[in-house]
């Protein structure tokens, strides 16, 4: 009964957050970077709902799908590394097509991975989420290009990403043997958020 109440509360919270999808990345996020610096970069993933959901979701999936402790960090490390690579591309002024649709698609895919607990070999898991992380990184890096303190902001963003991955891993590891419903609800909510974003950017 308690799990059911938590699931209902999670669904209500997700539904309430859907109207915020329009401001999750485009425009609102960019405003956070007018004054670049380590703390601005560090706080950014916590204020952009799309990035927050993706980063926690990667950690959650890693814990839920892992066969053992050694499988936990493939996807988070792949995401963080490719996020950094994408951010450096963006800082250099690179323009990558379909950034916003790919960010939205990443939420859909990560949400489905969480909900299904799909197990993939470590390198494959890292490659899947890493491919999406490039677009998250480019979006950040391009916003920061030309700003003073951009390198420090990217460093802060990567550190925050790692911490959010760890938070997701901790939550997932706690739930993996205690509940099958809550991960499905969480994954479904992230996937729905991705669908809501896709309807706005496609």
Protein backbone atom coordinates (compact mmCIF):
# COMPACT_ATOMS: atom_id res chain seq x y z
CA UNK A 1 0.00 0.00 0.00
CA UNK A 2 2.82 2.38 0.89
CA UNK A 3 4.59 1.69 -2.41
CA UNK A 4 1.34 2.36 -4.25
CA UNK A 5 0.96 5.74 -2.52
CA UNK A 6 4.53 6.66 -3.41
CA UNK A 7 3.94 5.61 -7.01
CA UNK A 8 0.80 7.76 -7.21
CA UNK A 9 2.65 10.74 -5.73
CA UNK A 10 5.46 10.26 -8.24
CA UNK A 11 3.03 10.20 -11.15
CA UNK A 12 1.30 13.36 -9.92
CA UNK A 13 4.66 15.13 -9.56
CA UNK A 14 5.67 14.05 -13.06
CA UNK A 15 2.40 15.28 -14.51
CA UNK A 16 2.81 18.60 -12.74
CA UNK A 17 6.31 18.96 -14.16
CA UNK A 18 5.29 18.39 -17.78
CA UNK A 19 4.17 22.01 -18.35
CA UNK A 20 7.70 23.03 -17.37
CA UNK A 21 9.11 21.08 -20.29
CA UNK A 22 9.05 24.10 -22.55
CA UNK A 23 11.46 25.92 -20.24
CA UNK A 24 13.61 22.94 -19.37
CA UNK A 25 16.38 23.81 -21.77
CA UNK A 26 15.77 26.33 -24.49
CA UNK A 27 16.23 29.92 -23.38
CA UNK A 28 15.94 29.39 -19.64
CA UNK A 29 19.11 27.36 -19.36
CA UNK A 30 21.02 29.77 -21.48
CA UNK A 31 20.26 32.59 -19.08
CA UNK A 32 22.17 30.75 -16.36
CA UNK A 33 25.40 31.22 -18.32
CA UNK A 34 25.46 35.01 -18.80
CA UNK A 35 28.01 35.10 -15.99
CA UNK A 36 30.16 32.01 -16.38
CA UNK A 37 32.05 30.39 -13.53
CA UNK A 38 32.50 27.16 -11.62
CA UNK A 39 29.39 27.55 -9.46
CA UNK A 40 27.19 28.53 -12.42
CA UNK A 41 28.31 25.40 -14.24
CA UNK A 42 27.92 23.26 -11.14
CA UNK A 43 24.38 24.46 -10.45
CA UNK A 44 23.20 24.24 -14.05
CA UNK A 45 22.36 20.49 -14.12
CA UNK A 46 20.28 20.98 -11.00
CA UNK A 47 18.20 23.77 -12.58
CA UNK A 48 17.66 22.27 -16.04
CA UNK A 49 14.97 19.60 -15.66
CA UNK A 50 16.04 17.76 -18.80
CA UNK A 51 19.65 17.43 -17.69
CA UNK A 52 18.71 16.56 -14.12
CA UNK A 53 16.40 13.77 -15.28
CA UNK A 54 18.96 12.39 -17.75
CA UNK A 55 21.86 12.34 -15.30
CA UNK A 56 19.97 10.80 -12.40
CA UNK A 57 18.31 8.38 -14.83
CA UNK A 58 21.66 7.11 -16.12
CA UNK A 59 22.77 6.31 -12.58
CA UNK A 60 19.43 4.74 -11.74
CA UNK A 61 19.55 2.48 -14.81
CA UNK A 62 23.15 1.49 -14.09
CA UNK A 63 22.24 0.28 -10.61
CA UNK A 64 19.01 -1.44 -11.61
CA UNK A 65 20.53 -3.32 -14.54
CA UNK A 66 23.94 -4.12 -13.04
CA UNK A 67 24.87 -7.76 -12.45
CA UNK A 68 27.40 -6.65 -9.86
CA UNK A 69 29.34 -3.68 -8.55
CA UNK A 70 31.80 -3.72 -11.44
CA UNK A 71 28.97 -2.96 -13.89
CA UNK A 72 27.82 0.16 -12.07
CA UNK A 73 30.06 2.78 -13.62
CA UNK A 74 30.23 2.00 -17.34
CA UNK A 75 27.24 4.14 -18.32
CA UNK A 76 27.94 7.04 -15.91
CA UNK A 77 31.57 7.28 -17.00
CA UNK A 78 30.55 7.08 -20.65
CA UNK A 79 27.99 9.84 -20.18
CA UNK A 80 30.33 12.13 -18.23
CA UNK A 81 33.21 11.65 -20.70
CA UNK A 82 31.10 12.35 -23.77
CA UNK A 83 29.35 15.26 -22.03
CA UNK A 84 32.79 16.81 -21.58
CA UNK A 85 33.70 16.09 -25.20
CA UNK A 86 30.48 17.68 -26.41
CA UNK A 87 30.98 20.71 -24.17
CA UNK A 88 34.48 21.24 -25.59
CA UNK A 89 33.03 21.05 -29.11
CA UNK A 90 30.43 23.63 -28.16
CA UNK A 91 33.06 25.91 -26.62
CA UNK A 92 34.93 25.76 -29.92
CA UNK A 93 31.79 27.05 -31.64
CA UNK A 94 30.73 23.77 -33.21
CA UNK A 95 27.09 23.60 -34.29
CA UNK A 96 25.54 20.14 -34.19
CA UNK A 97 22.15 19.62 -35.85
CA UNK A 98 19.09 18.46 -33.93
CA UNK A 99 20.55 19.15 -30.48
CA UNK A 100 17.20 19.78 -28.79
CA UNK A 101 15.40 16.79 -30.35
CA UNK A 102 18.31 14.53 -29.39
CA UNK A 103 18.25 15.78 -25.80
CA UNK A 104 14.54 15.05 -25.67
CA UNK A 105 15.10 11.63 -27.26
CA UNK A 106 17.74 10.88 -24.64
CA UNK A 107 15.13 11.26 -21.91
CA UNK A 108 12.75 8.94 -23.74
CA UNK A 109 15.44 6.28 -24.18
CA UNK A 110 16.89 6.58 -20.68
CA UNK A 111 13.40 6.44 -19.18
CA UNK A 112 12.64 3.24 -21.09
CA UNK A 113 15.98 1.73 -20.02
CA UNK A 114 15.14 2.45 -16.39
CA UNK A 115 11.60 1.10 -16.68
CA UNK A 116 12.69 -2.12 -18.39
CA UNK A 117 15.99 -2.59 -16.50
CA UNK A 118 17.50 -3.61 -19.82
CA UNK A 119 20.94 -5.15 -19.32
CA UNK A 120 23.63 -4.28 -21.85
CA UNK A 121 27.35 -5.07 -21.88
CA UNK A 122 29.26 -2.30 -20.13
CA UNK A 123 30.92 -0.79 -23.22
CA UNK A 124 27.60 -0.85 -25.10
CA UNK A 125 25.82 0.87 -22.21
CA UNK A 126 28.53 3.54 -22.14
CA UNK A 127 28.25 4.04 -25.91
CA UNK A 128 24.44 4.32 -25.86
CA UNK A 129 24.25 7.01 -23.19
CA UNK A 130 27.50 8.61 -24.36
CA UNK A 131 26.04 9.24 -27.80
CA UNK A 132 23.23 11.25 -26.22
CA UNK A 133 25.59 12.96 -23.77
CA UNK A 134 27.42 14.61 -26.66
CA UNK A 135 24.29 16.61 -27.44
CA UNK A 136 23.81 17.61 -23.82
CA UNK A 137 27.43 18.77 -23.77
CA UNK A 138 27.26 20.68 -27.04
CA UNK A 139 24.17 22.54 -25.83
CA UNK A 140 26.03 23.69 -22.71
CA UNK A 141 29.32 24.41 -24.44
CA UNK A 142 27.80 26.48 -27.20
CA UNK A 143 25.95 28.61 -24.64
CA UNK A 144 29.30 29.22 -22.91
CA UNK A 145 31.42 29.86 -26.00
CA UNK A 146 33.16 33.21 -25.83
CA UNK A 147 32.34 33.76 -22.15
CA UNK A 148 35.06 34.32 -19.60
CA UNK A 149 35.21 31.54 -17.03
CA UNK A 150 33.77 29.02 -19.49
CA UNK A 151 36.36 26.34 -18.67
CA UNK A 152 35.58 26.60 -14.95
CA UNK A 153 31.85 26.37 -15.72
CA UNK A 154 32.39 23.18 -17.73
CA UNK A 155 34.44 21.72 -14.87
CA UNK A 156 31.64 22.49 -12.43
CA UNK A 157 29.06 20.97 -14.77
CA UNK A 158 31.04 17.72 -15.13
CA UNK A 159 31.45 17.47 -11.35
CA UNK A 160 27.71 18.01 -10.83
CA UNK A 161 27.01 15.38 -13.48
CA UNK A 162 29.16 12.85 -11.62
CA UNK A 163 27.38 13.60 -8.35
CA UNK A 164 23.96 13.22 -9.96
CA UNK A 165 25.03 9.90 -11.45
CA UNK A 166 26.11 8.76 -7.98
CA UNK A 167 22.77 9.88 -6.54
CA UNK A 168 20.95 7.84 -9.19
CA UNK A 169 23.15 4.82 -8.48
CA UNK A 170 22.44 5.08 -4.75
CA UNK A 171 18.68 5.27 -5.35
CA UNK A 172 18.74 2.44 -7.86
CA UNK A 173 20.86 0.18 -5.68
CA UNK A 174 18.41 0.72 -2.82
CA UNK A 175 15.40 -0.08 -4.99
CA UNK A 176 16.75 -2.98 -7.02
CA UNK A 177 15.73 -5.61 -4.48
CA UNK A 178 13.01 -3.72 -2.63
CA UNK A 179 10.64 -2.56 -5.35
CA UNK A 180 9.84 -3.30 -8.96
CA UNK A 181 7.04 -0.75 -9.21
CA UNK A 182 8.89 2.43 -8.26
CA UNK A 183 11.66 2.08 -10.89
CA UNK A 184 9.02 1.47 -13.55
CA UNK A 185 7.12 4.55 -12.44
CA UNK A 186 10.30 6.65 -12.38
CA UNK A 187 11.38 5.39 -15.78
CA UNK A 188 7.93 5.99 -17.21
CA UNK A 189 7.90 9.54 -15.86
CA UNK A 190 11.28 10.31 -17.46
CA UNK A 191 10.16 8.79 -20.76
CA UNK A 192 6.94 10.85 -20.71
CA UNK A 193 8.99 13.96 -20.04
CA UNK A 194 11.07 13.11 -23.11
CA UNK A 195 7.93 12.70 -25.20
CA UNK A 196 6.63 16.07 -23.98
CA UNK A 197 9.89 17.74 -24.96
CA UNK A 198 9.88 16.03 -28.35
CA UNK A 199 6.43 17.37 -29.14
CA UNK A 200 7.77 20.90 -28.57
CA UNK A 201 11.01 20.70 -30.54
CA UNK A 202 10.14 18.46 -33.50
